Protein backbone atom coordinates (compact mmCIF):
# COMPACT_ATOMS: atom_id res chain seq x y z
CA MET A 1 10.90 23.09 275.30
CA SER A 2 9.47 21.95 278.63
CA PRO A 3 8.15 24.26 281.38
CA ALA A 4 11.23 23.36 283.42
CA ALA A 5 13.46 24.48 280.59
CA VAL A 6 11.82 27.87 280.30
CA GLY A 7 11.53 28.42 284.06
CA PRO A 8 14.84 30.27 284.38
CA ILE A 9 13.55 32.82 281.89
CA ALA A 10 11.77 34.29 284.92
CA ALA A 11 15.11 35.81 285.85
CA LEU A 12 14.75 38.20 282.95
CA ALA A 13 11.50 39.45 284.43
CA ALA A 14 13.15 40.45 287.70
CA VAL A 15 12.07 43.79 289.04
CA VAL A 16 14.63 46.50 289.69
CA VAL A 17 13.61 49.24 292.09
CA VAL A 18 14.90 52.77 292.35
CA VAL A 19 15.01 53.16 296.09
CA SER A 20 15.58 56.10 298.41
CA ALA A 21 16.31 54.57 301.76
CA HIS A 22 12.74 53.42 302.29
CA ILE A 23 10.75 50.22 302.68
CA GLY A 24 7.95 49.37 300.28
CA SER A 25 8.16 52.68 298.43
CA PRO A 26 10.11 52.12 295.22
CA ASP A 27 9.94 55.47 293.43
CA THR A 28 12.02 58.60 293.97
CA TYR A 29 10.39 61.99 294.55
CA TYR A 30 12.30 65.26 294.50
CA GLU A 31 11.17 68.87 294.75
CA GLY A 32 13.70 71.67 294.59
CA GLN A 33 15.58 74.11 292.41
CA ALA A 34 17.20 73.58 289.03
CA GLY A 35 18.87 76.97 288.94
CA PRO A 36 16.08 79.56 288.61
CA TYR A 37 13.45 76.87 288.01
CA ARG A 38 11.55 75.05 290.73
CA VAL A 39 10.90 71.47 289.65
CA ARG A 40 9.27 68.29 290.88
CA VAL A 41 11.02 65.16 289.62
CA ILE A 42 9.64 61.62 289.86
CA VAL A 43 11.78 58.63 288.89
CA ARG A 44 9.80 55.41 288.39
CA SER A 45 11.53 52.06 288.80
CA PRO A 46 12.74 50.22 285.67
CA GLY A 47 12.18 46.56 284.88
CA VAL A 48 15.70 45.11 284.62
CA VAL A 49 19.34 46.14 284.87
CA PRO A 50 20.23 47.31 282.31
CA GLY A 51 16.77 48.83 282.13
CA LEU A 52 14.73 51.93 281.52
CA ALA A 53 13.55 54.11 284.38
CA GLN A 54 10.70 56.46 283.60
CA ILE A 55 11.19 60.07 284.71
CA THR A 56 8.83 63.02 284.76
CA VAL A 57 9.84 66.63 285.37
CA ARG A 58 7.23 69.25 286.24
CA LEU A 59 8.01 72.97 286.26
CA LEU A 60 6.29 74.41 289.32
CA ASP A 61 6.87 78.18 289.33
CA THR A 62 7.36 79.03 285.68
CA GLY A 63 5.32 78.64 282.54
CA SER A 64 7.62 76.79 280.18
CA ALA A 65 11.16 75.87 279.26
CA THR A 66 13.07 75.65 276.01
CA THR A 67 14.57 72.23 276.76
CA VAL A 68 14.62 69.75 279.64
CA SER A 69 17.32 67.06 279.59
CA VAL A 70 18.12 64.18 281.93
CA LEU A 71 21.39 62.29 282.42
CA PRO A 72 22.12 59.37 284.81
CA VAL A 73 25.70 59.41 286.14
CA TYR A 74 27.06 56.38 288.01
CA TRP A 75 28.71 57.15 291.34
CA ASP A 76 32.07 55.45 290.70
CA PRO A 77 34.44 57.72 288.71
CA ARG A 78 36.38 54.66 287.53
CA VAL A 79 33.59 53.49 285.23
CA ALA A 80 33.11 54.66 281.66
CA ALA A 81 32.04 58.23 281.00
CA PRO A 82 28.24 58.73 280.89
CA PRO A 83 26.44 58.95 277.54
CA PRO A 84 25.01 62.22 276.23
CA PRO A 85 21.89 63.43 278.07
CA ASP A 86 18.43 62.53 276.81
CA THR A 87 16.01 65.30 275.92
CA ALA A 88 12.69 65.04 277.73
CA ARG A 89 9.48 65.57 275.77
CA ILE A 90 6.33 67.43 276.75
CA VAL A 91 3.73 65.04 278.19
CA SER A 92 0.10 65.15 277.02
CA GLY A 93 0.25 68.71 275.76
CA ASP A 94 1.04 70.09 279.24
CA SER A 95 3.81 72.65 278.71
CA THR A 96 4.96 72.30 282.33
CA LEU A 97 5.34 68.49 282.34
CA TYR A 98 8.17 66.63 280.61
CA GLY A 99 8.91 62.92 280.36
CA ALA A 100 11.88 60.75 279.42
CA ALA A 101 13.25 57.23 279.82
CA LEU A 102 16.64 56.71 281.46
CA TRP A 103 18.96 53.76 280.91
CA LEU A 104 20.41 52.52 284.20
CA MET A 105 23.18 50.19 283.09
CA THR A 106 24.74 49.05 286.37
CA SER A 107 23.38 48.19 289.81
CA GLY A 108 24.21 50.85 292.38
CA SER A 109 23.84 54.55 293.04
CA TYR A 110 23.26 57.17 290.37
CA SER A 111 22.83 60.91 290.22
CA VAL A 112 20.17 61.92 287.74
CA GLN A 113 21.11 65.36 286.42
CA VAL A 114 17.99 67.29 285.40
CA THR A 115 18.91 70.36 283.35
CA VAL A 116 16.32 73.00 282.48
CA SER A 117 16.96 75.74 279.91
CA GLY A 118 14.54 78.54 279.18
CA PRO A 119 13.84 82.27 279.32
CA GLN A 120 15.30 82.54 282.84
CA GLY A 121 18.57 80.85 281.91
CA ARG A 122 19.87 77.39 282.65
CA GLY A 123 19.97 75.30 285.83
CA THR A 124 20.62 71.72 286.95
CA ALA A 125 19.18 69.68 289.80
CA ILE A 126 20.87 66.55 291.16
CA VAL A 127 18.47 63.71 292.07
CA PRO A 128 20.16 60.67 293.68
CA VAL A 129 18.59 57.31 292.87
CA GLN A 130 19.63 53.70 293.33
CA ALA A 131 19.17 50.93 290.76
CA ILE A 132 19.04 47.50 292.38
CA ALA A 133 17.37 44.17 291.75
CA THR A 134 15.01 43.41 294.61
CA ARG A 135 12.85 40.44 293.57
CA ARG A 136 12.05 38.02 290.77
CA LEU A 137 8.68 37.64 289.14
CA GLU A 138 7.51 34.05 288.78
CA LEU A 139 6.81 32.87 285.25
CA GLN A 140 3.03 32.66 284.96
CA LYS A 141 1.69 29.16 284.35
CA PRO A 142 -0.28 30.04 281.16
CA VAL A 143 2.86 31.63 279.68
CA ALA A 144 5.00 28.64 280.71
CA ALA A 145 2.48 26.23 279.18
CA GLY A 146 2.37 28.23 275.97
CA LEU A 147 6.16 28.37 275.69
CA ALA A 148 6.41 24.63 276.42
CA ALA A 149 3.84 23.82 273.72
CA PHE A 150 5.60 26.06 271.22
CA GLY A 151 8.96 24.47 272.09
CA ALA A 152 7.53 20.97 271.62
CA PHE A 153 6.08 22.02 268.26
CA LEU A 154 9.48 23.29 267.10
CA PHE A 155 11.28 20.20 268.42
CA PHE A 156 9.07 17.63 266.70
CA GLY A 157 8.79 19.81 263.63
CA ALA A 158 12.58 19.82 263.30
CA LEU A 159 12.65 16.00 263.59
CA THR A 160 10.00 15.72 260.90
CA ILE A 161 11.99 17.98 258.57
CA ILE A 162 15.19 15.95 259.14
CA ALA A 163 13.44 12.66 258.45
CA ALA A 164 11.72 13.97 255.31
CA ALA A 165 14.95 15.47 253.97
CA VAL A 166 16.85 12.15 254.27
CA ARG A 167 13.95 10.02 253.01
CA GLU A 168 12.65 12.03 250.04
CA ALA A 169 14.98 14.91 249.11
CA PRO A 170 17.15 12.93 246.59
CA LEU A 171 14.12 11.33 244.87
CA ALA A 172 12.35 12.57 241.79
CA PRO A 173 8.77 13.77 242.22
CA GLY A 174 6.32 10.93 242.64
CA VAL A 175 8.93 8.26 243.45
CA GLU A 176 8.26 6.32 246.64
CA PRO A 177 11.24 5.81 249.01
CA ASP A 178 12.43 2.27 249.49
CA ARG A 179 12.80 0.49 252.84
CA GLY A 180 16.48 1.48 253.12
CA ARG A 181 15.74 5.18 252.80
CA VAL A 182 12.95 4.89 255.35
CA TRP A 183 15.35 3.33 257.87
CA ARG A 184 18.07 5.88 257.13
CA SER A 185 15.52 8.68 257.69
CA ARG A 186 14.56 7.18 261.04
CA ILE A 187 18.22 6.90 262.09
CA ALA A 188 18.85 10.53 260.98
CA SER A 189 15.78 11.65 262.91
CA GLY A 190 17.03 9.86 266.04
CA VAL A 191 20.51 11.37 265.72
CA GLY A 192 18.96 14.78 265.15
CA GLY A 193 16.75 14.33 268.19
CA VAL A 194 19.78 13.54 270.36
CA MET A 195 21.57 16.62 269.04
CA LEU A 196 18.52 18.81 269.60
CA LEU A 197 18.16 17.45 273.14
CA GLY A 198 21.80 18.40 273.69
CA VAL A 199 21.07 21.90 272.47
CA VAL A 200 18.02 22.14 274.76
CA LEU A 201 19.95 20.84 277.77
CA GLY A 202 22.85 23.20 277.01
CA GLY A 203 20.45 26.11 276.79
CA TRP A 204 18.76 25.02 280.00
CA THR A 205 22.14 24.87 281.77
CA TRP A 206 23.05 28.31 280.44
CA TRP A 207 19.75 29.81 281.57
CA ASN A 208 20.18 28.25 285.03
CA ALA A 209 23.62 29.84 285.26
CA VAL A 210 22.15 33.20 284.28
CA ASP A 211 19.37 32.72 286.81
CA SER A 212 21.81 31.85 289.61
CA GLY A 213 24.01 34.81 288.76
CA PHE A 214 21.03 37.13 288.87
CA ALA A 215 19.83 35.65 292.16
CA ARG A 216 23.19 36.50 293.70
CA GLN A 217 22.70 40.12 292.62
CA ILE A 218 19.26 40.53 294.19
CA TYR A 219 19.44 43.33 296.70
CA GLN A 220 19.57 42.49 300.37
CA PRO A 221 19.90 45.29 302.95
CA LEU A 222 22.98 45.14 305.12
CA ALA A 223 22.43 42.59 307.87
CA SER A 224 21.71 44.43 311.12
CA THR A 225 20.32 43.85 314.58
CA ALA A 226 18.61 45.91 317.26
CA ALA A 227 18.70 45.00 320.94
CA VAL A 228 17.66 46.62 324.21
CA ARG A 229 19.88 46.57 327.30
CA MET A 230 19.95 48.35 330.65
CA ASP A 231 22.83 50.68 331.46
CA GLY A 232 22.80 52.37 334.86
CA GLY A 233 19.02 52.27 335.05
CA ARG A 234 18.61 53.59 331.51
CA ALA A 235 17.10 51.57 328.68
CA MET A 236 19.52 51.68 325.74
CA LEU A 237 18.81 50.61 322.19
CA ARG A 238 21.88 49.26 320.41
CA PHE A 239 21.75 49.18 316.65
CA SER A 240 24.49 47.06 315.02
CA ILE A 241 25.54 46.47 311.42
CA VAL A 242 26.67 42.85 311.39
CA ASP A 243 26.97 42.23 307.65
CA SER A 244 30.23 40.54 306.63
CA ALA A 245 30.70 42.94 303.71
CA TRP A 246 30.53 45.82 306.18
CA ARG A 247 32.92 44.28 308.68
CA GLN A 248 35.41 43.47 305.93
CA HIS A 249 35.25 47.07 304.60
CA ARG A 250 34.17 45.92 301.15
CA ILE A 251 31.62 48.75 300.83
CA THR A 252 31.91 52.49 301.25
CA PRO A 253 31.62 53.93 304.79
CA LEU A 254 28.70 55.90 306.22
CA ILE A 255 28.40 59.65 305.84
CA PRO A 256 26.36 62.03 308.02
CA ASP A 257 22.89 62.95 306.79
CA HIS A 258 21.53 66.06 308.53
CA GLY A 259 24.42 65.78 310.97
CA HIS A 260 23.80 62.14 311.96
CA LEU A 261 25.24 58.87 310.71
CA VAL A 262 22.08 56.96 311.63
CA HIS A 263 18.46 58.03 311.97
CA LEU A 264 16.55 55.48 314.07
CA PHE A 265 12.77 55.21 314.07
CA VAL A 266 11.04 53.05 316.65
CA VAL A 267 7.38 52.29 315.85
CA ARG A 268 5.11 50.26 318.13
CA GLU A 269 2.99 47.59 316.45
CA GLY A 270 -0.50 49.06 316.43
CA LEU A 271 1.10 52.49 315.81
CA GLY A 272 0.43 53.73 319.34
CA ALA A 273 3.95 54.98 320.05
CA PHE A 274 6.82 56.39 318.01
CA ALA A 275 10.36 57.68 318.54
CA HIS A 276 12.83 59.44 316.23
CA LEU A 277 16.33 58.92 317.65
CA HIS A 278 19.94 59.61 316.66
CA PRO A 279 22.28 57.08 318.23
CA VAL A 280 25.81 57.79 319.38
CA LEU A 281 28.66 56.08 317.53
CA VAL A 282 30.22 53.35 319.70
CA ASP A 283 32.46 51.89 317.00
CA SER A 284 32.29 51.37 313.26
CA SER A 285 29.48 48.81 313.59
CA ASN A 286 27.56 49.73 316.76
CA PHE A 287 25.40 52.71 317.69
CA ASP A 288 23.64 53.40 321.01
CA ALA A 289 20.56 55.53 321.73
CA ALA A 290 18.81 56.12 325.03
CA LEU A 291 15.21 54.96 324.80
CA PRO A 292 12.42 57.29 325.93
CA PRO A 293 9.79 55.85 328.31
CA LEU A 294 7.87 54.10 325.55
CA PRO A 295 5.04 51.77 326.62
CA PRO A 296 5.75 48.03 326.67
CA GLY A 297 5.23 46.06 323.50
CA ARG A 298 6.75 44.90 320.28
CA TYR A 299 8.37 47.58 318.11
CA ARG A 300 9.65 47.81 314.57
CA VAL A 301 13.03 49.52 314.31
CA TYR A 302 14.02 51.30 311.10
CA ALA A 303 17.51 52.74 310.55
CA ASP A 304 18.20 55.20 307.73
CA ILE A 305 21.83 55.27 306.61
CA THR A 306 23.70 56.75 303.64
CA ARG A 307 26.96 55.40 302.27
CA GLU A 308 29.72 57.49 300.76
CA SER A 309 28.82 56.10 297.33
CA GLY A 310 25.50 57.94 297.63
CA PHE A 311 23.67 54.67 298.29
CA ALA A 312 20.92 55.27 300.86
CA GLU A 313 19.02 52.42 302.46
CA THR A 314 16.80 51.54 305.39
CA LEU A 315 17.75 48.64 307.65
CA SER A 316 15.14 47.09 309.94
CA ASP A 317 14.65 44.77 312.88
CA THR A 318 12.21 44.29 315.76
CA VAL A 319 12.58 44.59 319.53
CA THR A 320 10.31 43.97 322.50
CA LEU A 321 10.28 46.58 325.24
CA ALA A 322 9.42 45.87 328.87
CA SER A 323 8.19 48.48 331.32
CA PRO A 324 9.92 51.86 330.91
CA ALA A 325 12.84 52.43 333.27
CA GLY A 326 13.85 55.74 334.81
CA ALA A 327 13.83 59.25 333.45
CA TRP A 328 14.86 59.78 329.86
CA ARG A 329 18.17 61.52 329.21
CA MET A 330 18.23 61.85 325.45
CA SER A 331 21.34 60.83 323.54
CA ASP A 332 21.00 63.72 321.10
CA PRO A 333 19.12 67.05 321.25
CA ASP A 334 17.34 66.17 317.98
CA ASP A 335 15.66 63.11 319.58
CA ALA A 336 11.88 63.14 320.08
CA TRP A 337 9.06 60.70 320.83
CA TRP A 338 5.27 60.47 320.88
CA GLU A 339 2.70 58.28 322.62
CA GLU A 340 -0.95 57.64 321.80
CA HIS A 341 -2.39 59.20 324.96
CA GLU A 342 -1.14 62.63 323.90
CA THR A 343 -3.88 64.93 322.59
CA ARG A 344 -4.71 64.13 318.98
CA GLY A 345 -7.37 66.61 317.87
CA THR A 346 -9.53 65.98 314.78
CA ALA A 347 -8.73 64.06 311.61
CA ASN A 348 -7.12 67.06 309.88
CA VAL A 349 -6.07 69.15 312.88
CA ALA A 350 -3.53 68.00 315.48
CA ARG A 351 -3.00 69.81 318.78
CA LEU A 352 0.67 70.05 319.69
CA ILE A 353 2.12 69.89 323.19
CA ASP A 354 2.99 73.62 323.26
CA GLY A 355 -0.62 74.64 322.56
CA SER A 356 -0.18 75.27 318.84
CA ARG A 357 -2.11 73.42 316.16
CA MET A 358 -1.06 71.73 312.92
CA THR A 359 -3.56 71.46 310.07
CA TRP A 360 -3.28 69.02 307.21
CA ASP A 361 -4.41 70.94 304.12
CA ARG A 362 -5.58 67.82 302.33
CA GLY A 363 -8.75 69.11 300.70
CA GLU A 364 -11.74 66.92 299.86
CA THR A 365 -10.10 64.72 297.20
CA PRO A 366 -9.59 61.14 298.43
CA LEU A 367 -6.07 59.79 298.66
CA VAL A 368 -5.34 57.30 295.86
CA ALA A 369 -2.33 55.02 295.57
CA GLY A 370 0.13 56.19 292.92
CA ARG A 371 -1.34 59.69 292.74
CA ASP A 372 0.41 62.80 294.11
CA ALA A 373 -0.68 63.21 297.72
CA PRO A 374 -1.46 66.67 299.19
CA LEU A 375 1.06 66.50 302.05
CA ARG A 376 0.95 70.16 303.05
CA PHE A 377 0.76 71.19 306.71
CA THR A 378 0.30 74.56 308.41
CA VAL A 379 1.17 75.31 312.04
CA ALA A 380 -0.75 78.01 313.92
CA ALA A 381 0.40 79.47 317.24
CA PRO A 382 -1.96 79.35 320.24
CA ASP A 383 -3.20 82.83 319.31
CA GLY A 384 -4.18 81.60 315.83
CA ARG A 385 -1.43 83.39 313.90
CA PRO A 386 1.03 81.45 311.69
CA ALA A 387 3.68 79.92 313.89
CA ALA A 388 7.32 80.91 313.52
CA LEU A 389 9.07 77.62 312.76
CA GLU A 390 12.78 76.89 313.01
CA PRO A 391 14.86 74.55 310.87
CA TYR A 392 14.92 71.02 312.29
CA MET A 393 18.12 69.22 311.30
CA GLY A 394 18.52 71.53 308.34
CA MET A 395 14.96 71.07 307.03
CA ALA A 396 11.66 72.86 307.48
CA GLY A 397 10.21 69.61 308.77
CA HIS A 398 10.36 65.83 308.69
CA LEU A 399 7.54 63.41 307.91
CA MET A 400 7.57 59.72 308.72
CA LEU A 401 4.74 57.51 307.51
CA THR A 402 4.05 53.82 307.74
CA ARG A 403 1.36 51.43 306.61
CA ASP A 404 -0.36 49.73 309.53
CA ASP A 405 1.17 46.35 308.65
CA GLY A 406 4.70 47.77 308.44
CA SER A 407 5.07 46.95 304.73
CA VAL A 408 5.70 50.62 303.92
CA PHE A 409 7.93 52.99 305.86
CA VAL A 410 9.13 56.33 304.48
CA HIS A 411 11.10 59.25 305.89
CA LEU A 412 10.28 62.40 303.92
CA HIS A 413 11.70 65.91 303.73
CA PRO A 414 10.47 68.96 301.81
CA LEU A 415 13.06 67.86 299.20
CA GLY A 416 11.19 64.57 298.83
CA THR A 417 12.33 61.01 299.41
CA ILE A 418 15.97 61.61 298.53
CA SER A 419 18.84 61.53 300.99
CA TRP A 420 20.31 65.02 301.35
CA ALA A 421 23.71 63.50 302.07
CA ALA A 422 23.56 61.40 298.88
CA GLN A 423 22.79 64.53 296.88
CA GLN A 424 25.75 66.32 298.44
CA THR A 425 28.15 63.46 297.68
CA PHE A 426 27.38 63.78 293.99
CA LEU A 427 27.86 67.55 294.15
CA LEU A 428 31.21 67.23 295.96
CA ARG A 429 32.63 64.14 294.26
CA ARG A 430 35.63 64.62 291.96
CA PRO A 431 36.97 62.27 289.27
CA ALA A 432 40.02 61.40 291.38
CA ASP A 433 37.99 60.40 294.47
CA THR A 434 38.67 56.67 294.46
CA VAL A 435 39.84 56.28 298.09
CA TYR A 436 37.10 55.47 300.61
CA GLY A 437 36.57 58.25 303.11
CA THR A 438 37.67 61.14 300.89
CA VAL A 439 34.19 62.36 299.95
CA GLY A 440 32.90 61.77 303.50
CA ARG A 441 35.58 64.01 304.99
CA ARG A 442 34.89 66.67 302.37
CA LEU A 443 31.16 66.49 303.09
CA THR A 444 31.70 66.81 306.85
CA ALA A 445 33.91 69.87 306.34
CA ALA A 446 31.42 71.44 303.92
CA GLU A 447 28.49 70.81 306.26
CA ALA A 448 30.29 72.60 309.10
CA THR A 449 30.67 75.77 307.01
CA MET A 450 27.23 75.83 305.40
CA PRO A 451 25.11 78.88 306.29
CA PRO A 452 22.01 78.14 308.40
CA MET A 453 18.83 77.46 306.53
CA ALA A 454 16.28 80.26 306.38
CA PRO A 455 13.30 79.55 308.67
CA PRO A 456 10.10 78.28 307.02
CA VAL A 457 7.73 81.03 305.96
CA GLY A 458 4.14 81.23 307.16
CA GLY A 459 4.33 78.15 309.35
CA THR A 460 3.78 75.91 306.32
CA VAL A 461 5.72 72.82 305.26
CA SER A 462 5.00 70.40 302.40
CA PHE A 463 6.39 67.07 301.17
CA PRO A 464 6.23 65.64 297.62
CA TYR A 465 5.05 62.02 297.62
CA ALA A 466 2.53 59.46 296.38
CA PHE A 467 1.40 56.53 298.54
CA PRO A 468 2.67 53.31 296.90
CA LYS A 469 -0.34 51.10 297.67
CA PRO A 470 -3.79 51.22 299.27
CA GLY A 471 -4.32 50.77 302.99
CA ARG A 472 -4.32 52.53 306.33
CA TYR A 473 -1.36 54.78 307.10
CA ARG A 474 -0.18 56.82 310.04
CA LEU A 475 1.82 60.02 309.57
CA TRP A 476 4.12 61.69 312.09
CA VAL A 477 5.01 65.27 311.12
CA GLN A 478 7.82 66.89 313.08
CA VAL A 479 8.68 70.60 313.16
CA LYS A 480 10.64 72.82 315.54
CA ARG A 481 9.32 75.88 317.36
CA ASP A 482 10.92 77.85 320.19
CA HIS A 483 13.79 75.31 320.26
CA ARG A 484 11.30 72.52 320.89
CA ILE A 485 10.56 69.55 318.62
CA LEU A 486 6.81 69.15 318.04
CA THR A 487 5.20 65.99 316.70
CA ALA A 488 1.78 65.94 315.02
CA VAL A 489 0.03 62.67 314.16
CA PHE A 490 -2.49 62.03 311.40
CA ASP A 491 -4.19 58.95 309.95
CA ALA A 492 -4.89 58.36 306.28
CA GLU A 493 -6.94 55.84 304.35
CA VAL A 494 -5.54 55.37 300.85
CA GLN A 495 -7.77 53.96 298.12
């Protein structure tokens, strides 16, 4: 078998990523309640679809549990019923840490049901994840060369066996074949070679078909654009979903996450300016947000959206801003922005615009890629006492972080990397919900009647996460105090 023939095998090594509406951050982190148990769940990306995702469950506020089980449930009620749950096993003798492997059989959105049973009873947490193929690994040249050599050995070995069988099999031991048998063996070997070449070419064609089919399934975010225009002296940012699948209504519609269909993040290259905006719906494909007076330059635009299927993704584009125009009249009261010249403070302490201070309780341990990061922040009022924080869009706080080259962008909540709206869709979905829009309307109605979140205690907010790769990162932490959105900025060097 030649290297060309084995090349399509690379399709089988394609990487499938469990994503949570982020860029460059493949794993899912969740921290919340499973009934009476507080848990931290991490879902690591599998290798293929179907494939195994690795999951760990840590009990945070209790000593142990009797059993911990995990079950992936596909979002579409029309598919086959899920299999029985898998029982997680204790990891490395730590009675608070459990591990399991989950089969994700179909590309798309799943809810991973984590059920904990123990002395305090039984509880289940819903962790939304997405299984999608995002890239293909190239077949390494040494492996290709080895496979080609092994294929050639089998090919010529088979020809040798065919020739020997025709030439010598009917003869008694020690009898030499005559000229006729030698020629018949050569003809049989040639015919066998042609047949084997047909088999190889047929296999090559089949593998190419498999490869092409897989390539068509590789995940691509919905096509989108961002553009700046002037409207009555105001700079407006229009975000548009232009994907044909979206315009033809072949995918589920958007649902509100924290009260907004789209969360826009505008980050200046060089990380010197940042805005967190919530555009107004113009029509089903276009959203407008008034731009704050950001300094001129080139900006990366990230848009977090969640579909009714529970599929959350981040769309991105770039825009170039000219000089700021006019006073800013925000499109939504939850909008906020930050610019480099604002007071920064020290590496671990940020001074906020209302005189309070935010401290990053990061300790002395260096930040390491793939290791749980200490993302815990405490806000102190100007008099030094813990600040009284208010819920900001239903959460104690929001954290946005990006690598300096833009290859990583993440929007975090105290729940982790998951989309709250995606979690709610799995909680509210019913087996008969097969018409697009049904779950979205139910979610909107449920959100309107939900009781307000209790304010954060002690001025402290934390976010479960691990940086995906080394490099320099900037973090924007946003909280709300006295009806005012406050933004703290920190830098991190990850080893």
